[in-house]
Amino acid sequence: MDIAAPLTQAAMSDTATRNKVLLQLREHRKLMRRILARLDEQQDADASFTVEQFCRKEGLSRDTFYELLKQGRGPVVMRVGDPIRGAIRITAQARWDWQRAREAEAIAAQTAAK
């Protein structure tokens, strides 16, 4: 039997204490998400991505990705192996450049709309 269980149950029966604990847990979860996101960003800094990985990180479908490439608005891609049939990879720098270009495009559209 866990000795702390009765103490925890008694403390949690008090509404104010329970709300305080829940608030602290939410804050810890937010902090952990930020830490994990930073770790993910650090790992991504030197990485290259498959189309699937890139699309997942950017919230795009594969169809949208290839449509953007056709329009000349997709990220710079490189082929690994065969220059025509090789696997497509997108470097972290190409992803960053693509994001900045999309941001600039959005700003220009917002400015033109005013």
N, C-alpha and C. Protein backbone atom coordinates (compact mmCIF):
# COMPACT_ATOMS: atom_id res chain seq x y z
N MET A 1 0.84 -1.20 0.00
CA MET A 1 0.00 0.00 0.00
C MET A 1 0.88 1.25 0.00
N ASP A 2 0.48 2.20 -0.79
CA ASP A 2 1.22 3.46 -0.89
C ASP A 2 0.86 4.33 0.31
N ILE A 3 1.88 4.69 1.09
CA ILE A 3 1.66 5.49 2.30
C ILE A 3 1.14 6.87 1.95
N ALA A 4 1.58 7.41 0.82
CA ALA A 4 1.17 8.77 0.44
C ALA A 4 -0.25 8.83 -0.09
N ALA A 5 -0.81 7.69 -0.48
CA ALA A 5 -2.15 7.68 -1.08
C ALA A 5 -3.20 8.32 -0.19
N PRO A 6 -3.31 7.95 1.11
CA PRO A 6 -4.33 8.60 1.93
C PRO A 6 -4.11 10.11 2.07
N LEU A 7 -2.82 10.51 2.15
CA LEU A 7 -2.52 11.93 2.26
C LEU A 7 -2.95 12.66 0.98
N THR A 8 -2.66 12.04 -0.14
CA THR A 8 -3.03 12.63 -1.42
C THR A 8 -4.54 12.72 -1.55
N GLN A 9 -5.23 11.64 -1.17
CA GLN A 9 -6.68 11.64 -1.26
C GLN A 9 -7.29 12.70 -0.36
N ALA A 10 -6.75 12.85 0.86
CA ALA A 10 -7.26 13.87 1.78
C ALA A 10 -7.04 15.26 1.21
N ALA A 11 -5.84 15.50 0.67
CA ALA A 11 -5.53 16.82 0.11
C ALA A 11 -6.40 17.10 -1.12
N MET A 12 -6.66 16.08 -1.91
CA MET A 12 -7.42 16.27 -3.13
C MET A 12 -8.91 16.45 -2.85
N SER A 13 -9.35 16.10 -1.65
CA SER A 13 -10.77 16.29 -1.33
C SER A 13 -11.08 17.77 -1.12
N ASP A 14 -10.08 18.56 -0.79
CA ASP A 14 -10.24 20.00 -0.64
C ASP A 14 -10.22 20.63 -2.03
N THR A 15 -11.30 21.31 -2.39
CA THR A 15 -11.45 21.87 -3.73
C THR A 15 -10.34 22.85 -4.08
N ALA A 16 -9.98 23.72 -3.17
CA ALA A 16 -8.94 24.72 -3.44
C ALA A 16 -7.60 24.04 -3.70
N THR A 17 -7.29 23.05 -2.88
CA THR A 17 -6.02 22.33 -3.07
C THR A 17 -6.03 21.58 -4.39
N ARG A 18 -7.14 20.93 -4.70
CA ARG A 18 -7.24 20.18 -5.95
C ARG A 18 -7.07 21.12 -7.14
N ASN A 19 -7.71 22.27 -7.10
CA ASN A 19 -7.59 23.22 -8.21
C ASN A 19 -6.16 23.73 -8.36
N LYS A 20 -5.50 23.95 -7.24
CA LYS A 20 -4.10 24.41 -7.27
C LYS A 20 -3.21 23.34 -7.89
N VAL A 21 -3.42 22.08 -7.50
CA VAL A 21 -2.62 20.98 -8.05
C VAL A 21 -2.88 20.83 -9.55
N LEU A 22 -4.15 20.92 -9.95
CA LEU A 22 -4.48 20.81 -11.37
C LEU A 22 -3.85 21.94 -12.18
N LEU A 23 -3.86 23.13 -11.64
CA LEU A 23 -3.22 24.26 -12.31
C LEU A 23 -1.72 24.03 -12.47
N GLN A 24 -1.08 23.53 -11.42
CA GLN A 24 0.35 23.24 -11.49
C GLN A 24 0.64 22.16 -12.53
N LEU A 25 -0.21 21.14 -12.59
CA LEU A 25 -0.03 20.08 -13.58
C LEU A 25 -0.16 20.63 -15.00
N ARG A 26 -1.12 21.51 -15.23
CA ARG A 26 -1.28 22.12 -16.56
C ARG A 26 -0.04 22.92 -16.93
N GLU A 27 0.49 23.68 -15.98
CA GLU A 27 1.69 24.47 -16.24
C GLU A 27 2.89 23.56 -16.54
N HIS A 28 2.99 22.46 -15.82
CA HIS A 28 4.09 21.52 -16.08
C HIS A 28 3.95 20.90 -17.46
N ARG A 29 2.71 20.58 -17.87
CA ARG A 29 2.49 20.02 -19.20
C ARG A 29 2.88 21.01 -20.28
N LYS A 30 2.50 22.27 -20.09
CA LYS A 30 2.87 23.31 -21.06
C LYS A 30 4.38 23.43 -21.17
N LEU A 31 5.05 23.42 -20.03
CA LEU A 31 6.50 23.51 -20.02
C LEU A 31 7.13 22.31 -20.72
N MET A 32 6.62 21.13 -20.45
CA MET A 32 7.17 19.93 -21.09
C MET A 32 6.95 19.98 -22.60
N ARG A 33 5.79 20.47 -23.04
CA ARG A 33 5.55 20.58 -24.48
C ARG A 33 6.55 21.54 -25.12
N ARG A 34 6.81 22.67 -24.44
CA ARG A 34 7.79 23.63 -24.98
C ARG A 34 9.18 23.02 -25.04
N ILE A 35 9.57 22.29 -24.00
CA ILE A 35 10.89 21.65 -23.97
C ILE A 35 11.00 20.63 -25.09
N LEU A 36 9.97 19.80 -25.25
CA LEU A 36 10.00 18.78 -26.30
C LEU A 36 10.01 19.41 -27.69
N ALA A 37 9.29 20.51 -27.86
CA ALA A 37 9.30 21.21 -29.15
C ALA A 37 10.69 21.76 -29.46
N ARG A 38 11.35 22.33 -28.44
CA ARG A 38 12.71 22.84 -28.64
C ARG A 38 13.67 21.72 -29.00
N LEU A 39 13.56 20.60 -28.30
CA LEU A 39 14.42 19.46 -28.61
C LEU A 39 14.19 18.99 -30.03
N ASP A 40 12.93 18.96 -30.44
CA ASP A 40 12.58 18.56 -31.79
C ASP A 40 13.18 19.53 -32.81
N GLU A 41 13.12 20.84 -32.51
CA GLU A 41 13.71 21.85 -33.39
C GLU A 41 15.22 21.69 -33.49
N GLN A 42 15.87 21.40 -32.37
CA GLN A 42 17.32 21.21 -32.38
C GLN A 42 17.70 20.00 -33.21
N GLN A 43 16.93 18.94 -33.09
CA GLN A 43 17.21 17.75 -33.89
C GLN A 43 16.98 18.05 -35.37
N ASP A 44 15.96 18.87 -35.66
CA ASP A 44 15.63 19.21 -37.04
C ASP A 44 16.68 20.10 -37.69
N ALA A 45 17.46 20.83 -36.90
CA ALA A 45 18.38 21.82 -37.44
C ALA A 45 19.36 21.23 -38.45
N ASP A 46 19.80 20.02 -38.25
CA ASP A 46 20.75 19.40 -39.16
C ASP A 46 20.12 18.29 -39.99
N ALA A 47 18.83 18.15 -39.89
CA ALA A 47 18.15 17.04 -40.54
C ALA A 47 17.70 17.39 -41.95
N SER A 48 17.41 16.37 -42.69
CA SER A 48 16.65 16.54 -43.92
C SER A 48 15.42 15.67 -43.79
N PHE A 49 14.38 16.04 -44.50
CA PHE A 49 13.09 15.40 -44.32
C PHE A 49 12.62 14.72 -45.59
N THR A 50 11.90 13.63 -45.42
CA THR A 50 11.19 13.04 -46.54
C THR A 50 9.96 13.92 -46.81
N VAL A 51 9.30 13.68 -47.92
CA VAL A 51 8.08 14.43 -48.22
C VAL A 51 7.06 14.21 -47.10
N GLU A 52 6.93 12.96 -46.65
CA GLU A 52 5.96 12.65 -45.60
C GLU A 52 6.28 13.40 -44.31
N GLN A 53 7.55 13.41 -43.92
CA GLN A 53 7.95 14.11 -42.70
C GLN A 53 7.71 15.61 -42.82
N PHE A 54 8.10 16.17 -43.95
CA PHE A 54 7.90 17.60 -44.19
C PHE A 54 6.41 17.95 -44.11
N CYS A 55 5.59 17.17 -44.79
CA CYS A 55 4.15 17.43 -44.80
C CYS A 55 3.56 17.33 -43.40
N ARG A 56 3.99 16.35 -42.64
CA ARG A 56 3.47 16.19 -41.27
C ARG A 56 3.85 17.40 -40.42
N LYS A 57 5.11 17.84 -40.52
CA LYS A 57 5.58 18.98 -39.72
C LYS A 57 4.88 20.27 -40.12
N GLU A 58 4.56 20.40 -41.40
CA GLU A 58 3.94 21.64 -41.89
C GLU A 58 2.41 21.56 -41.98
N GLY A 59 1.86 20.39 -41.69
CA GLY A 59 0.40 20.24 -41.73
C GLY A 59 -0.16 20.29 -43.15
N LEU A 60 0.59 19.75 -44.10
CA LEU A 60 0.18 19.73 -45.50
C LEU A 60 -0.16 18.32 -45.93
N SER A 61 -1.02 18.20 -46.92
CA SER A 61 -1.23 16.90 -47.55
C SER A 61 -0.16 16.74 -48.63
N ARG A 62 0.06 15.51 -49.05
CA ARG A 62 1.02 15.27 -50.14
C ARG A 62 0.55 15.97 -51.42
N ASP A 63 -0.76 15.94 -51.67
CA ASP A 63 -1.30 16.61 -52.86
C ASP A 63 -0.97 18.10 -52.85
N THR A 64 -1.15 18.73 -51.71
CA THR A 64 -0.85 20.16 -51.59
C THR A 64 0.64 20.40 -51.80
N PHE A 65 1.48 19.53 -51.21
CA PHE A 65 2.92 19.66 -51.37
C PHE A 65 3.30 19.65 -52.86
N TYR A 66 2.80 18.66 -53.59
CA TYR A 66 3.16 18.55 -55.00
C TYR A 66 2.53 19.67 -55.83
N GLU A 67 1.36 20.14 -55.43
CA GLU A 67 0.75 21.28 -56.12
C GLU A 67 1.59 22.54 -55.93
N LEU A 68 2.09 22.74 -54.70
CA LEU A 68 2.98 23.88 -54.44
C LEU A 68 4.25 23.79 -55.27
N LEU A 69 4.80 22.58 -55.40
CA LEU A 69 5.99 22.41 -56.24
C LEU A 69 5.69 22.80 -57.68
N LYS A 70 4.54 22.35 -58.21
CA LYS A 70 4.15 22.69 -59.59
C LYS A 70 4.02 24.19 -59.78
N GLN A 71 3.52 24.87 -58.76
CA GLN A 71 3.32 26.33 -58.83
C GLN A 71 4.63 27.09 -58.62
N GLY A 72 5.70 26.39 -58.27
CA GLY A 72 6.96 27.06 -57.98
C GLY A 72 6.98 27.67 -56.58
N ARG A 73 6.05 27.23 -55.72
CA ARG A 73 5.94 27.77 -54.36
C ARG A 73 6.32 26.74 -53.31
N GLY A 74 6.85 25.62 -53.73
CA GLY A 74 7.26 24.58 -52.79
C GLY A 74 8.68 24.81 -52.31
N PRO A 75 9.11 24.00 -51.35
CA PRO A 75 10.49 24.12 -50.86
C PRO A 75 11.48 23.60 -51.91
N VAL A 76 12.71 24.01 -51.77
CA VAL A 76 13.77 23.46 -52.61
C VAL A 76 13.97 22.01 -52.20
N VAL A 77 13.97 21.12 -53.17
CA VAL A 77 14.13 19.70 -52.87
C VAL A 77 15.41 19.18 -53.50
N MET A 78 15.92 18.12 -52.94
CA MET A 78 17.07 17.45 -53.53
C MET A 78 16.72 15.99 -53.73
N ARG A 79 17.33 15.39 -54.69
CA ARG A 79 17.12 13.97 -54.95
C ARG A 79 18.33 13.20 -54.47
N VAL A 80 18.08 12.14 -53.74
CA VAL A 80 19.16 11.29 -53.25
C VAL A 80 19.23 10.08 -54.18
N GLY A 81 20.41 9.84 -54.72
CA GLY A 81 20.56 8.73 -55.66
C GLY A 81 20.30 9.22 -57.07
N ASP A 82 19.44 8.54 -57.76
CA ASP A 82 19.09 8.86 -59.14
C ASP A 82 18.50 10.27 -59.23
N PRO A 83 19.02 11.11 -60.14
CA PRO A 83 18.54 12.50 -60.22
C PRO A 83 17.07 12.64 -60.64
N ILE A 84 16.49 11.61 -61.22
CA ILE A 84 15.09 11.69 -61.64
C ILE A 84 14.18 10.87 -60.72
N ARG A 85 14.63 9.68 -60.37
CA ARG A 85 13.79 8.79 -59.56
C ARG A 85 14.23 8.66 -58.11
N GLY A 86 15.28 9.38 -57.74
CA GLY A 86 15.79 9.29 -56.38
C GLY A 86 14.82 9.82 -55.35
N ALA A 87 15.04 9.43 -54.12
CA ALA A 87 14.17 9.87 -53.03
C ALA A 87 14.29 11.38 -52.86
N ILE A 88 13.16 12.03 -52.67
CA ILE A 88 13.14 13.48 -52.44
C ILE A 88 13.43 13.74 -50.97
N ARG A 89 14.34 14.69 -50.74
CA ARG A 89 14.63 15.14 -49.38
C ARG A 89 14.57 16.66 -49.36
N ILE A 90 14.14 17.19 -48.21
CA ILE A 90 14.08 18.63 -48.00
C ILE A 90 14.96 18.95 -46.80
N THR A 91 15.96 19.79 -46.99
CA THR A 91 16.85 20.11 -45.87
C THR A 91 16.15 21.05 -44.89
N ALA A 92 16.70 21.12 -43.69
CA ALA A 92 16.15 22.02 -42.68
C ALA A 92 16.24 23.47 -43.17
N GLN A 93 17.34 23.81 -43.85
CA GLN A 93 17.49 25.17 -44.38
C GLN A 93 16.44 25.45 -45.44
N ALA A 94 16.16 24.48 -46.31
CA ALA A 94 15.13 24.66 -47.34
C ALA A 94 13.76 24.83 -46.70
N ARG A 95 13.50 24.10 -45.62
CA ARG A 95 12.23 24.24 -44.90
C ARG A 95 12.12 25.64 -44.32
N TRP A 96 13.19 26.11 -43.69
CA TRP A 96 13.21 27.44 -43.09
C TRP A 96 12.99 28.50 -44.16
N ASP A 97 13.71 28.40 -45.28
CA ASP A 97 13.56 29.36 -46.38
C ASP A 97 12.13 29.35 -46.92
N TRP A 98 11.56 28.17 -47.05
CA TRP A 98 10.19 28.03 -47.54
C TRP A 98 9.21 28.71 -46.59
N GLN A 99 9.40 28.51 -45.29
CA GLN A 99 8.53 29.16 -44.30
C GLN A 99 8.62 30.67 -44.41
N ARG A 100 9.84 31.23 -44.53
CA ARG A 100 10.01 32.68 -44.65
C ARG A 100 9.35 33.19 -45.93
N ALA A 101 9.47 32.45 -47.02
CA ALA A 101 8.84 32.87 -48.28
C ALA A 101 7.33 32.88 -48.16
N ARG A 102 6.76 31.88 -47.49
CA ARG A 102 5.30 31.84 -47.30
C ARG A 102 4.85 32.99 -46.39
N GLU A 103 5.67 33.30 -45.37
CA GLU A 103 5.34 34.43 -44.50
C GLU A 103 5.34 35.74 -45.30
N ALA A 104 6.35 35.93 -46.11
CA ALA A 104 6.45 37.15 -46.93
C ALA A 104 5.26 37.24 -47.89
N GLU A 105 4.87 36.11 -48.44
CA GLU A 105 3.72 36.06 -49.34
C GLU A 105 2.44 36.47 -48.60
N ALA A 106 2.27 35.97 -47.39
CA ALA A 106 1.08 36.29 -46.58
C ALA A 106 1.07 37.78 -46.22
N ILE A 107 2.22 38.30 -45.85
CA ILE A 107 2.30 39.73 -45.50
C ILE A 107 1.96 40.60 -46.70
N ALA A 108 2.48 40.23 -47.87
CA ALA A 108 2.20 40.99 -49.09
C ALA A 108 0.71 40.94 -49.42
N ALA A 109 0.09 39.79 -49.24
CA ALA A 109 -1.35 39.65 -49.53
C ALA A 109 -2.17 40.49 -48.55
N GLN A 110 -1.77 40.50 -47.29
CA GLN A 110 -2.49 41.29 -46.28
C GLN A 110 -2.35 42.79 -46.56
N THR A 111 -1.15 43.19 -46.96
CA THR A 111 -0.89 44.60 -47.25
C THR A 111 -1.68 45.04 -48.49
N ALA A 112 -1.75 44.18 -49.49
CA ALA A 112 -2.49 44.50 -50.72
C ALA A 112 -3.99 44.58 -50.46
N ALA A 113 -4.47 43.82 -49.49
CA ALA A 113 -5.90 43.80 -49.18
C ALA A 113 -6.35 45.07 -48.46
N LYS A 114 -5.41 45.80 -47.87
CA LYS A 114 -5.78 47.00 -47.09
C LYS A 114 -6.03 48.19 -47.96
